[in-house]
C-alpha atoms as a PDB file:
ATOM      1  CA  MET A   1       0.000   0.000   0.000  1.00  0.00           C
ATOM      2  CA  LYS A   2       2.904   2.337   0.783  1.00  0.00           C
ATOM      3  CA  LYS A   3       4.308   1.820  -2.722  1.00  0.00           C
ATOM      4  CA  THR A   4       0.932   2.629  -4.223  1.00  0.00           C
ATOM      5  CA  VAL A   5       0.652   5.854  -2.197  1.00  0.00           C
ATOM      6  CA  LEU A   6       4.232   6.863  -3.106  1.00  0.00           C
ATOM      7  CA  ARG A   7       3.675   6.217  -6.820  1.00  0.00           C
ATOM      8  CA  GLY A   8       0.526   8.343  -6.690  1.00  0.00           C
ATOM      9  CA  VAL A   9       2.326  11.252  -5.001  1.00  0.00           C
ATOM     10  CA  THR A  10       5.144  11.098  -7.565  1.00  0.00           C
ATOM     11  CA  THR A  11       2.655  11.117 -10.441  1.00  0.00           C
ATOM     12  CA  VAL A  12       0.828  14.140  -8.988  1.00  0.00           C
ATOM     13  CA  SER A  13       4.177  16.018  -8.575  1.00  0.00           C
ATOM     14  CA  VAL A  14       5.256  15.396 -12.163  1.00  0.00           C
ATOM     15  CA  VAL A  15       1.851  16.419 -13.493  1.00  0.00           C
ATOM     16  CA  ALA A  16       1.939  19.594 -11.420  1.00  0.00           C
ATOM     17  CA  LEU A  17       5.450  20.372 -12.684  1.00  0.00           C
ATOM     18  CA  LEU A  18       4.491  19.853 -16.312  1.00  0.00           C
ATOM     19  CA  ALA A  19       1.370  21.923 -15.840  1.00  0.00           C
ATOM     20  CA  GLY A  20       3.399  24.803 -14.452  1.00  0.00           C
ATOM     21  CA  CYS A  21       6.007  24.645 -17.228  1.00  0.00           C
ATOM     22  CA  GLN A  22       3.398  24.620 -19.969  1.00  0.00           C
ATOM     23  CA  ALA A  23       2.816  28.308 -19.277  1.00  0.00           C
ATOM     24  CA  PHE A  24       6.081  28.995 -21.147  1.00  0.00           C
ATOM     25  CA  PRO A  25       5.961  28.632 -24.971  1.00  0.00           C
ATOM     26  CA  ALA A  26       9.555  27.474 -25.209  1.00  0.00           C
ATOM     27  CA  VAL A  27       8.924  24.641 -22.776  1.00  0.00           C
ATOM     28  CA  GLN A  28       5.792  23.615 -24.671  1.00  0.00           C
ATOM     29  CA  GLN A  29       7.814  23.415 -27.884  1.00  0.00           C
ATOM     30  CA  ASP A  30      10.503  21.295 -26.215  1.00  0.00           C
ATOM     31  CA  ILE A  31       7.939  18.928 -24.729  1.00  0.00           C
ATOM     32  CA  ALA A  32       6.426  18.416 -28.167  1.00  0.00           C
ATOM     33  CA  SER A  33       9.840  17.723 -29.658  1.00  0.00           C
ATOM     34  CA  ILE A  34      10.825  15.087 -27.103  1.00  0.00           C
ATOM     35  CA  GLY A  35       8.794  12.468 -28.873  1.00  0.00           C
ATOM     36  CA  ASN A  36      10.555  13.298 -32.138  1.00  0.00           C
ATOM     37  CA  ARG A  37      14.048  13.160 -30.400  1.00  0.00           C
ATOM     38  CA  SER A  38      14.974  16.411 -32.015  1.00  0.00           C
ATOM     39  CA  SER A  39      17.246  19.051 -30.560  1.00  0.00           C
ATOM     40  CA  ALA A  40      15.641  20.881 -27.584  1.00  0.00           C
ATOM     41  CA  THR A  41      16.849  24.196 -26.263  1.00  0.00           C
ATOM     42  CA  SER A  42      15.250  24.097 -22.803  1.00  0.00           C
ATOM     43  CA  PHE A  43      16.140  20.415 -22.139  1.00  0.00           C
ATOM     44  CA  PRO A  44      19.668  19.822 -23.424  1.00  0.00           C
ATOM     45  CA  GLY A  45      19.692  16.398 -21.722  1.00  0.00           C
ATOM     46  CA  PHE A  46      17.099  14.999 -24.114  1.00  0.00           C
ATOM     47  CA  GLY A  47      17.971  13.957 -27.642  1.00  0.00           C
ATOM     48  CA  GLY A  48      20.702  15.984 -29.409  1.00  0.00           C
ATOM     49  CA  GLY A  49      22.840  18.749 -27.863  1.00  0.00           C
ATOM     50  CA  GLY A  50      21.752  22.372 -27.511  1.00  0.00           C
ATOM     51  CA  SER A  51      22.801  25.280 -29.616  1.00  0.00           C
ATOM     52  CA  GLY A  52      26.511  25.729 -28.784  1.00  0.00           C
ATOM     53  CA  SER A  53      29.884  25.033 -30.284  1.00  0.00           C
ATOM     54  CA  ALA A  54      29.296  21.244 -30.477  1.00  0.00           C
ATOM     55  CA  ALA A  55      27.711  19.631 -33.558  1.00  0.00           C
ATOM     56  CA  THR A  56      25.876  16.239 -33.431  1.00  0.00           C
ATOM     57  CA  THR A  57      26.763  13.562 -35.958  1.00  0.00           C
ATOM     58  CA  SER A  58      24.669  10.583 -37.008  1.00  0.00           C
ATOM     59  CA  SER A  59      26.413   8.429 -34.368  1.00  0.00           C
ATOM     60  CA  ASN A  60      25.479  10.855 -31.526  1.00  0.00           C
ATOM     61  CA  THR A  61      29.203  11.867 -31.218  1.00  0.00           C
ATOM     62  CA  GLN A  62      29.733  15.561 -30.410  1.00  0.00           C
ATOM     63  CA  VAL A  63      32.417  17.363 -32.528  1.00  0.00           C
ATOM     64  CA  VAL A  64      33.855  20.545 -31.071  1.00  0.00           C
ATOM     65  CA  THR A  65      34.531  23.300 -33.578  1.00  0.00           C
ATOM     66  CA  ASP A  66      36.809  26.386 -33.227  1.00  0.00           C
ATOM     67  CA  PRO A  67      34.804  29.624 -33.694  1.00  0.00           C
ATOM     68  CA  TYR A  68      38.047  31.467 -34.691  1.00  0.00           C
ATOM     69  CA  ALA A  69      39.310  28.886 -37.167  1.00  0.00           C
ATOM     70  CA  GLY A  70      40.638  30.301 -40.448  1.00  0.00           C
ATOM     71  CA  GLN A  71      41.222  33.821 -39.129  1.00  0.00           C
ATOM     72  CA  GLY A  72      45.025  33.413 -38.792  1.00  0.00           C
ATOM     73  CA  VAL A  73      47.308  35.261 -36.354  1.00  0.00           C
ATOM     74  CA  ALA A  74      47.146  39.036 -36.220  1.00  0.00           C
ATOM     75  CA  GLN A  75      50.411  40.658 -37.240  1.00  0.00           C
ATOM     76  CA  PRO A  76      51.609  43.809 -35.372  1.00  0.00           C
ATOM     77  CA  ASN A  77      51.637  46.955 -37.419  1.00  0.00           C
ATOM     78  CA  VAL A  78      55.270  48.012 -36.849  1.00  0.00           C
ATOM     79  CA  PRO A  79      56.503  50.979 -38.916  1.00  0.00           C
ATOM     80  CA  GLY A  80      59.443  49.993 -41.022  1.00  0.00           C
ATOM     81  CA  GLY A  81      58.918  46.293 -40.222  1.00  0.00           C
ATOM     82  CA  GLY A  82      59.518  43.394 -42.521  1.00  0.00           C
ATOM     83  CA  ALA A  83      62.625  41.638 -43.694  1.00  0.00           C
ATOM     84  CA  THR A  84      65.805  43.628 -43.760  1.00  0.00           C
ATOM     85  CA  SER A  85      67.706  44.079 -46.945  1.00  0.00           C
ATOM     86  CA  GLN A  86      71.286  44.786 -47.720  1.00  0.00           C
ATOM     87  CA  SER A  87      70.121  47.622 -49.951  1.00  0.00           C
ATOM     88  CA  ASN A  88      69.399  49.653 -46.804  1.00  0.00           C
ATOM     89  CA  ALA A  89      73.074  49.721 -45.843  1.00  0.00           C
ATOM     90  CA  SER A  90      74.794  53.033 -46.317  1.00  0.00           C
ATOM     91  CA  ALA A  91      76.973  53.425 -49.395  1.00  0.00           C
ATOM     92  CA  PRO A  92      80.768  53.736 -48.856  1.00  0.00           C
ATOM     93  CA  GLN A  93      81.911  57.305 -48.256  1.00  0.00           C
ATOM     94  CA  THR A  94      85.218  58.424 -49.736  1.00  0.00           C
ATOM     95  CA  THR A  95      87.054  61.399 -48.221  1.00  0.00           C
ATOM     96  CA  THR A  96      90.112  62.949 -49.865  1.00  0.00           C
ATOM     97  CA  THR A  97      92.491  65.048 -47.760  1.00  0.00           C
ATOM     98  CA  PRO A  98      94.569  67.527 -49.791  1.00  0.00           C
ATOM     99  CA  ALA A  99      98.338  67.720 -49.511  1.00  0.00           C
ATOM    100  CA  ARG A 100      99.709  69.986 -46.796  1.00  0.00           C
ATOM    101  CA  THR A 101     102.957  71.013 -45.072  1.00  0.00           C
ATOM    102  CA  HIS A 102     104.136  70.058 -41.569  1.00  0.00           C
ATOM    103  CA  THR A 103     106.982  71.598 -39.563  1.00  0.00           C
ATOM    104  CA  VAL A 104     108.882  69.059 -37.461  1.00  0.00           C
ATOM    105  CA  ALA A 105     108.722  69.806 -33.724  1.00  0.00           C
ATOM    106  CA  ALA A 106     111.006  68.556 -30.980  1.00  0.00           C
ATOM    107  CA  GLY A 107     110.342  64.947 -30.039  1.00  0.00           C
ATOM    108  CA  GLU A 108     108.515  64.075 -33.278  1.00  0.00           C
ATOM    109  CA  THR A 109     109.572  61.191 -35.502  1.00  0.00           C
ATOM    110  CA  GLY A 110     108.677  60.162 -39.013  1.00  0.00           C
ATOM    111  CA  TRP A 111     106.453  57.409 -37.666  1.00  0.00           C
ATOM    112  CA  SER A 112     104.545  59.696 -35.291  1.00  0.00           C
ATOM    113  CA  ILE A 113     103.964  62.252 -38.049  1.00  0.00           C
ATOM    114  CA  SER A 114     102.674  59.603 -40.472  1.00  0.00           C
ATOM    115  CA  ARG A 115     100.246  58.322 -37.818  1.00  0.00           C
ATOM    116  CA  LYS A 116      99.116  61.865 -37.068  1.00  0.00           C
ATOM    117  CA  TYR A 117      98.036  62.467 -40.674  1.00  0.00           C
ATOM    118  CA  GLY A 118      96.810  58.928 -41.389  1.00  0.00           C
ATOM    119  CA  ILE A 119      99.394  58.074 -44.048  1.00  0.00           C
ATOM    120  CA  THR A 120     101.971  55.316 -44.277  1.00  0.00           C
ATOM    121  CA  PRO A 121     105.634  55.963 -43.428  1.00  0.00           C
ATOM    122  CA  GLN A 122     106.488  54.870 -46.970  1.00  0.00           C
ATOM    123  CA  ASP A 123     104.289  57.635 -48.438  1.00  0.00           C
ATOM    124  CA  LEU A 124     105.889  60.209 -46.132  1.00  0.00           C
ATOM    125  CA  ALA A 125     109.383  59.058 -47.087  1.00  0.00           C
ATOM    126  CA  ALA A 126     108.569  59.078 -50.814  1.00  0.00           C
ATOM    127  CA  ALA A 127     107.078  62.584 -50.676  1.00  0.00           C
ATOM    128  CA  ASN A 128     110.112  64.032 -48.878  1.00  0.00           C
ATOM    129  CA  THR A 129     112.977  61.827 -50.150  1.00  0.00           C
ATOM    130  CA  LEU A 130     113.742  60.463 -46.675  1.00  0.00           C
ATOM    131  CA  ASP A 131     116.020  57.543 -45.929  1.00  0.00           C
ATOM    132  CA  ALA A 132     114.861  54.167 -44.644  1.00  0.00           C
ATOM    133  CA  ALA A 133     115.175  55.365 -41.035  1.00  0.00           C
ATOM    134  CA  LEU A 134     112.867  58.360 -41.722  1.00  0.00           C
ATOM    135  CA  THR A 135     115.560  60.739 -40.467  1.00  0.00           C
ATOM    136  CA  ILE A 136     114.198  64.249 -39.899  1.00  0.00           C
ATOM    137  CA  LYS A 137     115.353  67.410 -38.102  1.00  0.00           C
ATOM    138  CA  VAL A 138     113.582  69.863 -35.835  1.00  0.00           C
ATOM    139  CA  GLY A 139     112.190  72.705 -37.924  1.00  0.00           C
ATOM    140  CA  GLN A 140     112.295  70.721 -41.165  1.00  0.00           C
ATOM    141  CA  LYS A 141     109.385  71.303 -43.560  1.00  0.00           C
ATOM    142  CA  LEU A 142     107.715  68.071 -44.634  1.00  0.00           C
ATOM    143  CA  THR A 143     105.199  67.603 -47.417  1.00  0.00           C
ATOM    144  CA  ILE A 144     102.196  65.556 -46.301  1.00  0.00           C
ATOM    145  CA  PRO A 145     100.787  63.850 -49.437  1.00  0.00           C
ATOM    146  CA  ALA A 146      97.091  63.741 -50.190  1.00  0.00           C
ATOM    147  CA  ALA A 147      95.259  60.791 -48.696  1.00  0.00           C
ATOM    148  CA  THR A 148      92.011  59.101 -49.695  1.00  0.00           C
ATOM    149  CA  VAL A 149      90.019  57.345 -46.974  1.00  0.00           C
ATOM    150  CA  THR A 150      86.973  55.136 -47.688  1.00  0.00           C
ATOM    151  CA  ARG A 151      84.557  54.552 -44.819  1.00  0.00           C
ATOM    152  CA  VAL A 152      81.598  52.174 -44.829  1.00  0.00           C
ATOM    153  CA  SER A 153      78.868  52.928 -42.314  1.00  0.00           C
ATOM    154  CA  ASP A 154      77.196  49.975 -40.609  1.00  0.00           C
ATOM    155  CA  ALA A 155      74.189  52.043 -39.535  1.00  0.00           C
ATOM    156  CA  SER A 156      70.856  50.387 -40.259  1.00  0.00           C
ATOM    157  CA  ALA A 157      67.470  51.865 -41.011  1.00  0.00           C
ATOM    158  CA  PRO A 158      65.166  52.487 -38.041  1.00  0.00           C
ATOM    159  CA  GLY A 159      63.463  49.321 -36.835  1.00  0.00           C
ATOM    160  CA  GLN A 160      65.934  46.976 -38.558  1.00  0.00           C
ATOM    161  CA  GLY A 161      68.613  46.725 -35.875  1.00  0.00           C
ATOM    162  CA  THR A 162      72.372  46.570 -36.308  1.00  0.00           C
ATOM    163  CA  PRO A 163      73.851  43.560 -38.145  1.00  0.00           C
ATOM    164  CA  THR A 164      75.756  41.244 -35.843  1.00  0.00           C
ATOM    165  CA  PRO A 165      79.344  40.520 -36.962  1.00  0.00           C
ATOM    166  CA  THR A 166      80.383  36.923 -37.303  1.00  0.00           C
ATOM    167  CA  PRO A 167      82.730  35.968 -34.457  1.00  0.00           C
ATOM    168  CA  PRO A 168      86.064  34.396 -35.447  1.00  0.00           C
ATOM    169  CA  SER A 169      85.145  31.217 -33.587  1.00  0.00           C
ATOM    170  CA  ALA A 170      82.255  30.613 -35.985  1.00  0.00           C
ATOM    171  CA  SER A 171      84.633  29.818 -38.849  1.00  0.00           C
ATOM    172  CA  GLN A 172      87.738  28.653 -37.016  1.00  0.00           C
ATOM    173  CA  PRO A 173      87.993  26.767 -33.725  1.00  0.00           C
ATOM    174  CA  LEU A 174      89.554  28.504 -30.778  1.00  0.00           C
ATOM    175  CA  PRO A 175      93.235  27.709 -30.208  1.00  0.00           C
ATOM    176  CA  ASP A 176      94.042  25.071 -27.655  1.00  0.00           C
ATOM    177  CA  GLU A 177      95.593  27.298 -25.010  1.00  0.00           C
ATOM    178  CA  LYS A 178      96.646  26.309 -21.558  1.00  0.00           C
ATOM    179  CA  THR A 179      95.893  29.321 -19.389  1.00  0.00           C
ATOM    180  CA  ALA A 180      97.361  29.510 -15.920  1.00  0.00           C
ATOM    181  CA  PRO A 181      94.857  29.957 -13.094  1.00  0.00           C
ATOM    182  CA  THR A 182      94.275  33.532 -12.030  1.00  0.00           C
ATOM    183  CA  SER A 183      95.199  32.630  -8.478  1.00  0.00           C
ATOM    184  CA  ALA A 184      98.686  31.540  -9.497  1.00  0.00           C
ATOM    185  CA  PRO A 185     101.336  34.155  -8.576  1.00  0.00           C
ATOM    186  CA  VAL A 186     103.029  35.873 -11.500  1.00  0.00           C
ATOM    187  CA  ALA A 187     106.751  36.341 -11.221  1.00  0.00           C
ATOM    188  CA  LYS A 188     107.774  39.969 -11.652  1.00  0.00           C
ATOM    189  CA  PRO A 189     110.587  40.274 -14.191  1.00  0.00           C
ATOM    190  CA  ALA A 190     113.676  42.168 -13.162  1.00  0.00           C
ATOM    191  CA  THR A 191     113.878  45.693 -14.554  1.00  0.00           C
ATOM    192  CA  PRO A 192     117.053  45.972 -16.625  1.00  0.00           C
ATOM    193  CA  ASP A 193     119.341  48.959 -16.296  1.00  0.00           C
ATOM    194  CA  LEU A 194     119.489  50.085 -19.901  1.00  0.00           C
ATOM    195  CA  GLY A 195     122.521  52.219 -19.237  1.00  0.00           C
ATOM    196  CA  ALA A 196     124.445  49.278 -17.773  1.00  0.00           C
ATOM    197  CA  THR A 197     123.762  46.985 -20.735  1.00  0.00           C
ATOM    198  CA  ARG A 198     126.456  48.652 -22.810  1.00  0.00           C
ATOM    199  CA  THR A 199     129.857  47.020 -22.505  1.00  0.00           C
ATOM    200  CA  ALA A 200     133.029  49.008 -22.011  1.00  0.00           C
ATOM    201  CA  ALA A 201     134.665  47.122 -24.887  1.00  0.00           C
ATOM    202  CA  SER A 202     132.267  48.612 -27.433  1.00  0.00           C
ATOM    203  CA  GLY A 203     134.325  51.840 -27.611  1.00  0.00           C
ATOM    204  CA  SER A 204     137.421  53.521 -26.341  1.00  0.00           C
ATOM    205  CA  GLY A 205     135.902  54.025 -22.880  1.00  0.00           C
ATOM    206  CA  ARG A 206     136.902  57.688 -22.844  1.00  0.00           C
ATOM    207  CA  PHE A 207     133.376  58.984 -22.263  1.00  0.00           C
ATOM    208  CA  GLN A 208     130.537  57.726 -20.110  1.00  0.00           C
ATOM    209  CA  MET A 209     126.828  57.776 -20.894  1.00  0.00           C
ATOM    210  CA  PRO A 210     125.293  61.155 -20.031  1.00  0.00           C
ATOM    211  CA  VAL A 211     121.929  59.552 -19.072  1.00  0.00           C
ATOM    212  CA  ASN A 212     120.771  56.080 -18.051  1.00  0.00           C
ATOM    213  CA  GLY A 213     118.751  55.467 -21.188  1.00  0.00           C
ATOM    214  CA  SER A 214     118.903  53.433 -24.352  1.00  0.00           C
ATOM    215  CA  ILE A 215     119.716  54.760 -27.808  1.00  0.00           C
ATOM    216  CA  VAL A 216     116.490  55.535 -29.620  1.00  0.00           C
ATOM    217  CA  ARG A 217     118.106  57.127 -32.677  1.00  0.00           C
ATOM    218  CA  ALA A 218     121.530  56.225 -34.014  1.00  0.00           C
ATOM    219  CA  TYR A 219     124.247  58.455 -35.428  1.00  0.00           C
ATOM    220  CA  SER A 220     124.034  59.194 -39.153  1.00  0.00           C
ATOM    221  CA  LYS A 221     126.587  61.501 -40.738  1.00  0.00           C
ATOM    222  CA  GLY A 222     124.900  64.490 -42.342  1.00  0.00           C
ATOM    223  CA  SER A 223     121.377  63.737 -41.122  1.00  0.00           C
ATOM    224  CA  ASN A 224     121.798  63.074 -37.387  1.00  0.00           C
ATOM    225  CA  ASP A 225     125.116  64.372 -36.054  1.00  0.00           C
ATOM    226  CA  GLY A 226     124.709  62.585 -32.725  1.00  0.00           C
ATOM    227  CA  ILE A 227     122.586  60.008 -30.924  1.00  0.00           C
ATOM    228  CA  ASP A 228     119.280  60.371 -29.129  1.00  0.00           C
ATOM    229  CA  LEU A 229     119.087  58.775 -25.672  1.00  0.00           C
ATOM    230  CA  SER A 230     115.783  58.118 -23.945  1.00  0.00           C
ATOM    231  CA  ALA A 231     115.427  60.263 -20.828  1.00  0.00           C
ATOM    232  CA  GLY A 232     112.343  61.030 -18.788  1.00  0.00           C
ATOM    233  CA  SER A 233     111.506  64.618 -17.920  1.00  0.00           C
ATOM    234  CA  GLY A 234     113.568  65.740 -14.917  1.00  0.00           C
ATOM    235  CA  SER A 235     116.042  62.839 -15.024  1.00  0.00           C
ATOM    236  CA  PRO A 236     119.687  63.851 -14.330  1.00  0.00           C
ATOM    237  CA  VAL A 237     122.072  64.636 -17.176  1.00  0.00           C
ATOM    238  CA  LYS A 238     125.784  64.195 -16.411  1.00  0.00           C
ATOM    239  CA  ALA A 239     129.000  65.318 -18.074  1.00  0.00           C
ATOM    240  CA  ALA A 240     130.453  62.573 -20.258  1.00  0.00           C
ATOM    241  CA  ALA A 241     134.008  63.519 -19.219  1.00  0.00           C
ATOM    242  CA  SER A 242     135.916  66.197 -17.339  1.00  0.00           C
ATOM    243  CA  GLY A 243     136.247  69.573 -18.994  1.00  0.00           C
ATOM    244  CA  SER A 244     135.000  73.158 -19.035  1.00  0.00           C
ATOM    245  CA  VAL A 245     131.643  74.557 -20.095  1.00  0.00           C
ATOM    246  CA  ALA A 246     132.423  76.262 -23.385  1.00  0.00           C
ATOM    247  CA  ALA A 247     128.914  77.535 -24.178  1.00  0.00           C
ATOM    248  CA  VAL A 248     125.340  77.617 -22.925  1.00  0.00           C
ATOM    249  CA  THR A 249     122.805  78.462 -25.631  1.00  0.00           C
ATOM    250  CA  ARG A 250     119.269  77.611 -26.776  1.00  0.00           C
ATOM    251  CA  ASP A 251     117.709  76.139 -29.912  1.00  0.00           C
ATOM    252  CA  THR A 252     114.919  77.708 -31.988  1.00  0.00           C
ATOM    253  CA  ASP A 253     112.313  76.444 -29.503  1.00  0.00           C
ATOM    254  CA  GLY A 254     114.154  77.986 -26.533  1.00  0.00           C
ATOM    255  CA  VAL A 255     115.386  74.603 -25.222  1.00  0.00           C
ATOM    256  CA  PRO A 256     118.832  74.875 -23.495  1.00  0.00           C
ATOM    257  CA  ILE A 257     121.981  73.412 -25.080  1.00  0.00           C
ATOM    258  CA  VAL A 258     125.238  72.858 -23.165  1.00  0.00           C
ATOM    259  CA  VAL A 259     128.674  72.486 -24.845  1.00  0.00           C
ATOM    260  CA  ILE A 260     131.637  71.102 -22.841  1.00  0.00           C
ATOM    261  CA  ARG A 261     135.244  71.263 -24.109  1.00  0.00           C
ATOM    262  CA  HIS A 262     137.529  68.312 -23.309  1.00  0.00           C
ATOM    263  CA  GLU A 263     141.159  67.451 -23.944  1.00  0.00           C
ATOM    264  CA  GLY A 264     142.320  66.533 -27.424  1.00  0.00           C
ATOM    265  CA  GLN A 265     140.113  69.123 -29.172  1.00  0.00           C
ATOM    266  CA  LEU A 266     137.007  67.133 -28.328  1.00  0.00           C
ATOM    267  CA  MET A 267     133.677  68.706 -27.456  1.00  0.00           C
ATOM    268  CA  THR A 268     130.415  67.179 -26.255  1.00  0.00           C
ATOM    269  CA  VAL A 269     127.005  68.701 -26.931  1.00  0.00           C
ATOM    270  CA  TYR A 270     123.894  68.121 -24.766  1.00  0.00           C
ATOM    271  CA  ALA A 271     120.580  69.226 -26.358  1.00  0.00           C
ATOM    272  CA  GLY A 272     117.012  68.833 -25.084  1.00  0.00           C
ATOM    273  CA  MET A 273     117.944  69.992 -21.577  1.00  0.00           C
ATOM    274  CA  GLY A 274     115.547  71.285 -18.964  1.00  0.00           C
ATOM    275  CA  ALA A 275     116.906  72.987 -15.847  1.00  0.00           C
ATOM    276  CA  LEU A 276     120.659  73.724 -15.862  1.00  0.00           C
ATOM    277  CA  SER A 277     123.080  73.527 -12.932  1.00  0.00           C
ATOM    278  CA  VAL A 278     126.178  74.907 -14.744  1.00  0.00           C
ATOM    279  CA  GLN A 279     127.040  78.049 -16.651  1.00  0.00           C
ATOM    280  CA  LYS A 280     129.661  79.095 -19.162  1.00  0.00           C
ATOM    281  CA  GLY A 281     133.205  78.853 -17.816  1.00  0.00           C
ATOM    282  CA  ASP A 282     132.458  76.251 -15.104  1.00  0.00           C
ATOM    283  CA  GLN A 283     134.844  73.328 -14.626  1.00  0.00           C
ATOM    284  CA  VAL A 284     133.078  69.962 -14.496  1.00  0.00           C
ATOM    285  CA  LYS A 285     134.171  66.417 -13.712  1.00  0.00           C
ATOM    286  CA  ALA A 286     133.171  63.203 -15.412  1.00  0.00           C
ATOM    287  CA  GLY A 287     129.772  62.089 -14.094  1.00  0.00           C
ATOM    288  CA  GLN A 288     128.960  65.490 -12.564  1.00  0.00           C
ATOM    289  CA  GLN A 289     125.333  66.522 -13.050  1.00  0.00           C
ATOM    290  CA  ILE A 290     125.010  69.496 -15.363  1.00  0.00           C
ATOM    291  CA  GLY A 291     121.199  69.681 -15.394  1.00  0.00           C
ATOM    292  CA  THR A 292     118.038  67.674 -16.005  1.00  0.00           C
ATOM    293  CA  ALA A 293     116.296  66.380 -19.110  1.00  0.00           C
ATOM    294  CA  GLY A 294     113.494  68.420 -20.689  1.00  0.00           C
ATOM    295  CA  ASN A 295     110.028  67.349 -21.810  1.00  0.00           C
ATOM    296  CA  ALA A 296     111.057  65.872 -25.191  1.00  0.00           C
ATOM    297  CA  GLY A 297     111.573  62.410 -23.689  1.00  0.00           C
ATOM    298  CA  SER A 298     115.158  62.187 -24.943  1.00  0.00           C
ATOM    299  CA  ILE A 299     118.579  63.892 -24.813  1.00  0.00           C
ATOM    300  CA  HIS A 300     120.436  64.595 -28.046  1.00  0.00           C
ATOM    301  CA  PHE A 301     124.161  63.918 -27.443  1.00  0.00           C
ATOM    302  CA  GLU A 302     126.981  64.786 -29.866  1.00  0.00           C
ATOM    303  CA  VAL A 303     130.746  64.319 -29.879  1.00  0.00           C
ATOM    304  CA  ARG A 304     132.757  66.657 -32.095  1.00  0.00           C
ATOM    305  CA  GLN A 305     136.390  66.512 -33.110  1.00  0.00           C
ATOM    306  CA  GLY A 306     136.958  70.212 -33.590  1.00  0.00           C
ATOM    307  CA  TYR A 307     133.809  71.141 -35.485  1.00  0.00           C
ATOM    308  CA  ASP A 308     133.389  67.823 -37.268  1.00  0.00           C
ATOM    309  CA  SER A 309     130.844  65.392 -35.776  1.00  0.00           C
ATOM    310  CA  VAL A 310     131.870  61.811 -34.988  1.00  0.00           C
ATOM    311  CA  ASP A 311     129.930  58.758 -33.823  1.00  0.00           C
ATOM    312  CA  PRO A 312     129.624  58.978 -30.019  1.00  0.00           C
ATOM    313  CA  GLU A 313     129.319  55.186 -29.659  1.00  0.00           C
ATOM    314  CA  GLY A 314     133.032  54.848 -30.475  1.00  0.00           C
ATOM    315  CA  TYR A 315     133.924  56.807 -27.298  1.00  0.00           C
ATOM    316  CA  PHE A 316     131.833  55.049 -24.654  1.00  0.00           C
END
């Protein structure tokens, strides 16, 4: 009896529910379509699926479709975008510098002058008939030949970026080097005394070196009447031998020059001086300081037999 009462209550509830839903037209349409097993919008659980992104096939298998299929990927609108081209690279620029004249100053060499004007030492020597050592004198007028320089700019158009150079390791493998660890101590080499490297047997030994420096320019009869010795500014300059100060003068740039007379009609000349500690008529001894070196970085030293220049290296 309880089952009969329960079945009657359930039937009354379903009838009441259907009666209430029939007030809505959409529900009435779906109820009518249940018998036909067609697609219902208000009851997606009955029959086929509702109106969405899934389509029903004949085997009741739902196939999901992409609503944005076929539209592709939106590309950003970047000004100047797109593939770069070599045609955007700047064309080579050629600059021609006309010939000019240079006056040699103290401390300058043929190599430093050629670097200053961006030419090769060979071009400088050919334009001025210089020797292989590029021997020049202070105050000498040099012709600087015309030079043509071609520059290629690697600047790129805006938005294209700068081309990346190919590293050397891309074409050739790195060398097999054995590098010592950074923590390993490095032995400090001994600093040689350049003035003491000259042997007494190389000359007569009559004179001594006026400065503790190496020879940076050798004697050349007619073009360089002495030798140039490296000397830092303010370093001491000493008399090569005993004698008397015969003259104290200055060159065209106002740099002091000291001349000392020795026995045997020999004279020594010290050019490129800075401060002086002797004057004309003073008696000096071998190794006595006569002044300090100037700012040229070298001392020009000459030995003269009378008024004729000789190679100083034969007297050390």
